[in-house]
Amino acid sequence: QVQLVESGGGLVQAGGSLRLSCAASGRTLSSYVMGWFRRAPGKEREIVAAIIWSGSNTYYADSVKGRFTISRDNAKNTVDLQMNSLKPEDTAVYYCAAALFRGWDTARGTYGYDYWGQGTQVTVSS
């Protein structure tokens, strides 16, 4: 089992920044991919970014490219999402997720992840 706990959400004005953090525990994550997802009101959950735990390969949704950065800290067992130039449309509950890495086709999909955090609210005001 993998336990994931997100932190860092909050309220920010458009153009501002927030940094989300996901603390992982329970097992060695060297073969895992870590993802950040979000669900906005009335919309389906979508992937925001993902990173392979043991490498540097990353994936970003087109809507966040150039604004968000995913990173991991092996020593702390955390995966962070730095969000800059935030827009009102970024408002959502953000979730951290983990899965054994089976290729990027699976890692880019919502249903390829086995473990999920409880979510943290991000609200961007206009």
C-alpha atoms as a PDB file:
ATOM      1  CA  GLN A   1       0.000   0.000   0.000  1.00  0.00           C
ATOM      2  CA  VAL A   2       1.014   3.583  -0.668  1.00  0.00           C
ATOM      3  CA  GLN A   3      -0.304   6.443   1.414  1.00  0.00           C
ATOM      4  CA  LEU A   4      -0.453   9.912  -0.118  1.00  0.00           C
ATOM      5  CA  VAL A   5      -1.139  13.168   1.684  1.00  0.00           C
ATOM      6  CA  GLU A   6      -1.447  16.466  -0.181  1.00  0.00           C
ATOM      7  CA  SER A   7      -0.873  19.919   1.255  1.00  0.00           C
ATOM      8  CA  GLY A   8      -0.443  23.477   0.065  1.00  0.00           C
ATOM      9  CA  GLY A   9      -3.783  24.353  -1.441  1.00  0.00           C
ATOM     10  CA  GLY A  10      -5.541  27.631  -0.795  1.00  0.00           C
ATOM     11  CA  LEU A  11      -6.961  30.826  -2.244  1.00  0.00           C
ATOM     12  CA  VAL A  12      -4.890  32.973  -4.570  1.00  0.00           C
ATOM     13  CA  GLN A  13      -5.527  35.797  -6.990  1.00  0.00           C
ATOM     14  CA  ALA A  14      -5.163  35.303 -10.710  1.00  0.00           C
ATOM     15  CA  GLY A  15      -1.527  35.591 -11.728  1.00  0.00           C
ATOM     16  CA  GLY A  16      -0.334  34.326  -8.373  1.00  0.00           C
ATOM     17  CA  SER A  17       1.477  31.140  -7.394  1.00  0.00           C
ATOM     18  CA  LEU A  18       0.937  28.145  -5.164  1.00  0.00           C
ATOM     19  CA  ARG A  19       3.048  25.113  -4.400  1.00  0.00           C
ATOM     20  CA  LEU A  20       1.393  21.789  -3.696  1.00  0.00           C
ATOM     21  CA  SER A  21       3.216  18.978  -1.969  1.00  0.00           C
ATOM     22  CA  CYS A  22       2.439  15.260  -1.825  1.00  0.00           C
ATOM     23  CA  ALA A  23       4.024  13.179   0.932  1.00  0.00           C
ATOM     24  CA  ALA A  24       4.265   9.494   0.059  1.00  0.00           C
ATOM     25  CA  SER A  25       4.783   6.577   2.405  1.00  0.00           C
ATOM     26  CA  GLY A  26       4.249   2.859   2.602  1.00  0.00           C
ATOM     27  CA  ARG A  27       6.644   1.363   0.099  1.00  0.00           C
ATOM     28  CA  THR A  28       9.596   2.045  -2.139  1.00  0.00           C
ATOM     29  CA  LEU A  29       8.500   4.148  -5.083  1.00  0.00           C
ATOM     30  CA  SER A  30      11.425   3.591  -7.445  1.00  0.00           C
ATOM     31  CA  SER A  31       9.212   1.807 -10.012  1.00  0.00           C
ATOM     32  CA  TYR A  32       6.332   4.232  -9.700  1.00  0.00           C
ATOM     33  CA  VAL A  33       4.991   7.179 -11.614  1.00  0.00           C
ATOM     34  CA  MET A  34       3.512  10.032  -9.598  1.00  0.00           C
ATOM     35  CA  GLY A  35       0.757  12.167 -10.978  1.00  0.00           C
ATOM     36  CA  TRP A  36      -1.112  15.328 -10.095  1.00  0.00           C
ATOM     37  CA  PHE A  37      -4.734  15.447 -11.157  1.00  0.00           C
ATOM     38  CA  ARG A  38      -7.541  17.928 -10.692  1.00  0.00           C
ATOM     39  CA  ARG A  39     -11.311  17.969 -10.722  1.00  0.00           C
ATOM     40  CA  ALA A  40     -13.108  21.229 -11.292  1.00  0.00           C
ATOM     41  CA  PRO A  41     -16.795  21.667 -10.350  1.00  0.00           C
ATOM     42  CA  GLY A  42     -18.997  19.953 -12.909  1.00  0.00           C
ATOM     43  CA  LYS A  43     -16.066  18.476 -14.800  1.00  0.00           C
ATOM     44  CA  GLU A  44     -14.306  15.145 -14.916  1.00  0.00           C
ATOM     45  CA  ARG A  45     -10.986  14.545 -13.244  1.00  0.00           C
ATOM     46  CA  GLU A  46      -8.051  15.319 -15.538  1.00  0.00           C
ATOM     47  CA  ILE A  47      -4.338  14.815 -15.370  1.00  0.00           C
ATOM     48  CA  VAL A  48      -2.213  17.896 -14.784  1.00  0.00           C
ATOM     49  CA  ALA A  49       1.333  16.524 -14.651  1.00  0.00           C
ATOM     50  CA  ALA A  50       3.257  13.340 -13.968  1.00  0.00           C
ATOM     51  CA  ILE A  51       6.817  12.320 -13.178  1.00  0.00           C
ATOM     52  CA  ILE A  52       8.637   9.013 -13.020  1.00  0.00           C
ATOM     53  CA  TRP A  53      10.012   8.546  -9.547  1.00  0.00           C
ATOM     54  CA  SER A  54      13.374   7.107 -10.596  1.00  0.00           C
ATOM     55  CA  GLY A  55      14.053   9.336 -13.587  1.00  0.00           C
ATOM     56  CA  SER A  56      13.525  12.796 -14.946  1.00  0.00           C
ATOM     57  CA  ASN A  57      10.801  12.140 -17.500  1.00  0.00           C
ATOM     58  CA  THR A  58       7.764  14.313 -17.030  1.00  0.00           C
ATOM     59  CA  TYR A  59       4.407  14.914 -18.652  1.00  0.00           C
ATOM     60  CA  TYR A  60       2.255  18.055 -18.623  1.00  0.00           C
ATOM     61  CA  ALA A  61      -1.235  18.719 -19.832  1.00  0.00           C
ATOM     62  CA  ASP A  62      -1.298  21.340 -22.570  1.00  0.00           C
ATOM     63  CA  SER A  63      -3.339  23.651 -20.360  1.00  0.00           C
ATOM     64  CA  VAL A  64      -0.527  23.958 -17.795  1.00  0.00           C
ATOM     65  CA  LYS A  65       2.632  23.740 -19.905  1.00  0.00           C
ATOM     66  CA  GLY A  66       4.981  26.601 -19.157  1.00  0.00           C
ATOM     67  CA  ARG A  67       3.128  27.501 -15.953  1.00  0.00           C
ATOM     68  CA  PHE A  68       3.322  24.383 -13.755  1.00  0.00           C
ATOM     69  CA  THR A  69       6.381  22.358 -12.781  1.00  0.00           C
ATOM     70  CA  ILE A  70       6.352  18.904 -11.210  1.00  0.00           C
ATOM     71  CA  SER A  71       9.337  17.755  -9.194  1.00  0.00           C
ATOM     72  CA  ARG A  72      10.241  15.106  -6.664  1.00  0.00           C
ATOM     73  CA  ASP A  73      12.492  14.937  -3.640  1.00  0.00           C
ATOM     74  CA  ASN A  74      13.755  11.415  -3.112  1.00  0.00           C
ATOM     75  CA  ALA A  75      15.144  12.178   0.327  1.00  0.00           C
ATOM     76  CA  LYS A  76      11.834  13.544   1.597  1.00  0.00           C
ATOM     77  CA  ASN A  77       9.625  11.182  -0.442  1.00  0.00           C
ATOM     78  CA  THR A  78       7.606  14.085  -1.742  1.00  0.00           C
ATOM     79  CA  VAL A  79       6.322  15.181  -5.128  1.00  0.00           C
ATOM     80  CA  ASP A  80       5.629  18.877  -5.565  1.00  0.00           C
ATOM     81  CA  LEU A  81       3.638  20.865  -8.074  1.00  0.00           C
ATOM     82  CA  GLN A  82       4.740  24.474  -8.483  1.00  0.00           C
ATOM     83  CA  MET A  83       1.910  26.440 -10.030  1.00  0.00           C
ATOM     84  CA  ASN A  84       2.651  29.888 -11.453  1.00  0.00           C
ATOM     85  CA  SER A  85       0.563  32.376 -13.409  1.00  0.00           C
ATOM     86  CA  LEU A  86      -2.580  30.827 -12.022  1.00  0.00           C
ATOM     87  CA  LYS A  87      -5.873  31.396 -13.798  1.00  0.00           C
ATOM     88  CA  PRO A  88      -9.457  31.167 -12.515  1.00  0.00           C
ATOM     89  CA  GLU A  89      -9.886  28.058 -14.677  1.00  0.00           C
ATOM     90  CA  ASP A  90      -7.222  26.331 -12.564  1.00  0.00           C
ATOM     91  CA  THR A  91      -9.701  26.288  -9.683  1.00  0.00           C
ATOM     92  CA  ALA A  92     -10.232  22.653  -8.683  1.00  0.00           C
ATOM     93  CA  VAL A  93      -9.543  20.003  -6.115  1.00  0.00           C
ATOM     94  CA  TYR A  94      -6.031  18.726  -6.797  1.00  0.00           C
ATOM     95  CA  TYR A  95      -5.124  15.116  -6.153  1.00  0.00           C
ATOM     96  CA  CYS A  96      -1.830  13.295  -5.927  1.00  0.00           C
ATOM     97  CA  ALA A  97      -1.729   9.736  -7.270  1.00  0.00           C
ATOM     98  CA  ALA A  98       0.737   6.877  -7.659  1.00  0.00           C
ATOM     99  CA  ALA A  99       1.007   3.826  -9.872  1.00  0.00           C
ATOM    100  CA  LEU A 100       3.548   1.302 -11.019  1.00  0.00           C
ATOM    101  CA  PHE A 101       4.956   2.709 -14.224  1.00  0.00           C
ATOM    102  CA  ARG A 102       3.556   0.765 -17.191  1.00  0.00           C
ATOM    103  CA  GLY A 103       4.341   3.278 -19.908  1.00  0.00           C
ATOM    104  CA  TRP A 104       3.257   6.818 -20.656  1.00  0.00           C
ATOM    105  CA  ASP A 105       0.035   5.839 -22.399  1.00  0.00           C
ATOM    106  CA  THR A 106      -1.193   4.497 -19.076  1.00  0.00           C
ATOM    107  CA  ALA A 107       0.474   7.166 -16.951  1.00  0.00           C
ATOM    108  CA  ARG A 108      -1.341   9.937 -18.842  1.00  0.00           C
ATOM    109  CA  GLY A 109      -4.711   8.369 -18.084  1.00  0.00           C
ATOM    110  CA  THR A 110      -6.888   8.891 -15.043  1.00  0.00           C
ATOM    111  CA  TYR A 111      -7.621   5.207 -14.615  1.00  0.00           C
ATOM    112  CA  GLY A 112      -4.021   4.014 -14.609  1.00  0.00           C
ATOM    113  CA  TYR A 113      -3.368   4.990 -10.993  1.00  0.00           C
ATOM    114  CA  ASP A 114      -3.725   2.714  -7.993  1.00  0.00           C
ATOM    115  CA  TYR A 115      -3.314   5.066  -5.032  1.00  0.00           C
ATOM    116  CA  TRP A 116      -4.847   8.488  -4.417  1.00  0.00           C
ATOM    117  CA  GLY A 117      -4.591  11.218  -1.842  1.00  0.00           C
ATOM    118  CA  GLN A 118      -7.573  12.955  -0.289  1.00  0.00           C
ATOM    119  CA  GLY A 119      -7.210  16.094  -2.381  1.00  0.00           C
ATOM    120  CA  THR A 120      -6.526  19.746  -1.657  1.00  0.00           C
ATOM    121  CA  GLN A 121      -8.613  22.696  -2.808  1.00  0.00           C
ATOM    122  CA  VAL A 122      -7.088  25.363  -5.037  1.00  0.00           C
ATOM    123  CA  THR A 123      -9.189  28.454  -5.690  1.00  0.00           C
ATOM    124  CA  VAL A 124      -8.043  31.190  -8.043  1.00  0.00           C
ATOM    125  CA  SER A 125     -10.002  34.427  -7.884  1.00  0.00           C
ATOM    126  CA  SER A 126     -10.285  36.802 -10.810  1.00  0.00           C
END
